[in-house]
Amino acid sequence: LVVGGFVAVVAAAFYPIFFHPLTHKNEYEVQKVNRAGINQADVQPV
């Protein structure tokens, strides 16, 4: 029971990090298009 609970907590922690981007690729492609003309070095604080 303890091991199953630990596995559930680890799976719940990995969902937003790993599985959500894999299943919602179109949202991240929109971000890539929106950031196409932005130079990251120009936006970073000094």
N, C-alpha and C. Protein backbone atom coordinates (compact mmCIF):
# COMPACT_ATOMS: atom_id res chain seq x y z
N LEU A 1 0.83 -1.20 0.00
CA LEU A 1 0.00 0.00 0.00
C LEU A 1 0.87 1.26 0.00
N VAL A 2 1.94 1.24 0.76
CA VAL A 2 2.83 2.39 0.82
C VAL A 2 3.56 2.57 -0.51
N VAL A 3 3.99 1.46 -1.10
CA VAL A 3 4.69 1.54 -2.38
C VAL A 3 3.75 2.05 -3.46
N GLY A 4 2.53 1.60 -3.46
CA GLY A 4 1.55 2.07 -4.44
C GLY A 4 1.27 3.55 -4.30
N GLY A 5 1.20 4.03 -3.07
CA GLY A 5 1.01 5.46 -2.83
C GLY A 5 2.19 6.27 -3.31
N PHE A 6 3.39 5.76 -3.09
CA PHE A 6 4.59 6.45 -3.55
C PHE A 6 4.63 6.52 -5.07
N VAL A 7 4.27 5.44 -5.73
CA VAL A 7 4.23 5.42 -7.20
C VAL A 7 3.19 6.42 -7.71
N ALA A 8 2.07 6.51 -7.05
CA ALA A 8 1.02 7.46 -7.47
C ALA A 8 1.50 8.90 -7.31
N VAL A 9 2.20 9.19 -6.24
CA VAL A 9 2.71 10.55 -6.03
C VAL A 9 3.75 10.91 -7.08
N VAL A 10 4.64 9.98 -7.39
CA VAL A 10 5.66 10.23 -8.41
C VAL A 10 5.00 10.42 -9.78
N ALA A 11 4.02 9.61 -10.09
CA ALA A 11 3.31 9.75 -11.38
C ALA A 11 2.58 11.08 -11.45
N ALA A 12 1.98 11.51 -10.35
CA ALA A 12 1.28 12.79 -10.34
C ALA A 12 2.25 13.95 -10.50
N ALA A 13 3.46 13.80 -9.99
CA ALA A 13 4.46 14.85 -10.12
C ALA A 13 5.01 14.92 -11.55
N PHE A 14 5.13 13.79 -12.23
CA PHE A 14 5.69 13.78 -13.58
C PHE A 14 4.68 14.14 -14.65
N TYR A 15 3.40 14.09 -14.36
CA TYR A 15 2.40 14.39 -15.40
C TYR A 15 2.56 15.79 -15.98
N PRO A 16 2.60 16.86 -15.17
CA PRO A 16 2.70 18.19 -15.80
C PRO A 16 4.06 18.45 -16.43
N ILE A 17 5.09 17.72 -16.00
CA ILE A 17 6.43 17.95 -16.53
C ILE A 17 6.63 17.22 -17.85
N PHE A 18 6.17 15.99 -17.95
CA PHE A 18 6.50 15.15 -19.09
C PHE A 18 5.31 14.85 -19.99
N PHE A 19 4.21 14.40 -19.43
CA PHE A 19 3.12 13.90 -20.26
C PHE A 19 2.24 15.01 -20.84
N HIS A 20 2.05 16.10 -20.13
CA HIS A 20 1.20 17.19 -20.64
C HIS A 20 1.79 17.79 -21.92
N PRO A 21 3.09 18.11 -21.98
CA PRO A 21 3.63 18.62 -23.25
C PRO A 21 3.54 17.62 -24.40
N LEU A 22 3.65 16.34 -24.10
CA LEU A 22 3.56 15.34 -25.16
C LEU A 22 2.15 15.26 -25.75
N THR A 23 1.15 15.45 -24.91
CA THR A 23 -0.22 15.32 -25.38
C THR A 23 -0.81 16.63 -25.90
N HIS A 24 -0.14 17.76 -25.67
CA HIS A 24 -0.64 19.06 -26.10
C HIS A 24 0.41 19.79 -26.94
N LYS A 25 0.93 19.11 -27.97
CA LYS A 25 2.00 19.69 -28.79
C LYS A 25 1.56 20.95 -29.52
N ASN A 26 0.29 21.02 -29.91
CA ASN A 26 -0.16 22.19 -30.68
C ASN A 26 -0.07 23.47 -29.87
N GLU A 27 -0.25 23.42 -28.55
CA GLU A 27 -0.12 24.62 -27.72
C GLU A 27 1.32 25.13 -27.72
N TYR A 28 2.28 24.22 -27.72
CA TYR A 28 3.68 24.62 -27.70
C TYR A 28 4.15 25.08 -29.08
N GLU A 29 3.54 24.57 -30.15
CA GLU A 29 3.87 25.06 -31.48
C GLU A 29 3.41 26.50 -31.66
N VAL A 30 2.28 26.86 -31.05
CA VAL A 30 1.80 28.24 -31.10
C VAL A 30 2.80 29.15 -30.39
N GLN A 31 3.36 28.71 -29.28
CA GLN A 31 4.36 29.51 -28.57
C GLN A 31 5.59 29.71 -29.44
N LYS A 32 5.99 28.67 -30.17
CA LYS A 32 7.17 28.79 -31.03
C LYS A 32 6.93 29.82 -32.12
N VAL A 33 5.74 29.84 -32.69
CA VAL A 33 5.41 30.80 -33.74
C VAL A 33 5.37 32.21 -33.16
N ASN A 34 4.81 32.38 -31.98
CA ASN A 34 4.71 33.70 -31.37
C ASN A 34 6.08 34.27 -30.99
N ARG A 35 7.03 33.42 -30.70
CA ARG A 35 8.36 33.87 -30.28
C ARG A 35 9.36 33.88 -31.42
N ALA A 36 8.90 33.78 -32.64
CA ALA A 36 9.81 33.63 -33.78
C ALA A 36 10.73 34.83 -33.96
N GLY A 37 10.23 36.06 -33.78
CA GLY A 37 11.05 37.24 -34.02
C GLY A 37 11.75 37.79 -32.80
N ILE A 38 11.75 37.07 -31.69
CA ILE A 38 12.32 37.57 -30.44
C ILE A 38 13.69 36.94 -30.23
N ASN A 39 14.69 37.80 -30.02
CA ASN A 39 16.03 37.32 -29.69
C ASN A 39 16.12 37.20 -28.17
N GLN A 40 16.37 36.02 -27.68
CA GLN A 40 16.34 35.78 -26.24
C GLN A 40 17.40 36.59 -25.51
N ALA A 41 18.55 36.82 -26.12
CA ALA A 41 19.61 37.58 -25.47
C ALA A 41 19.20 39.04 -25.25
N ASP A 42 18.35 39.57 -26.12
CA ASP A 42 17.90 40.96 -25.96
C ASP A 42 16.89 41.11 -24.83
N VAL A 43 16.20 40.05 -24.46
CA VAL A 43 15.14 40.14 -23.46
C VAL A 43 15.65 39.84 -22.06
N GLN A 44 16.80 39.17 -21.95
CA GLN A 44 17.32 38.78 -20.64
C GLN A 44 17.79 40.00 -19.85
N PRO A 45 17.58 39.99 -18.53
CA PRO A 45 18.10 41.08 -17.71
C PRO A 45 19.63 41.01 -17.63
N VAL A 46 20.22 42.14 -17.38
CA VAL A 46 21.69 42.21 -17.36
C VAL A 46 22.23 41.73 -16.04
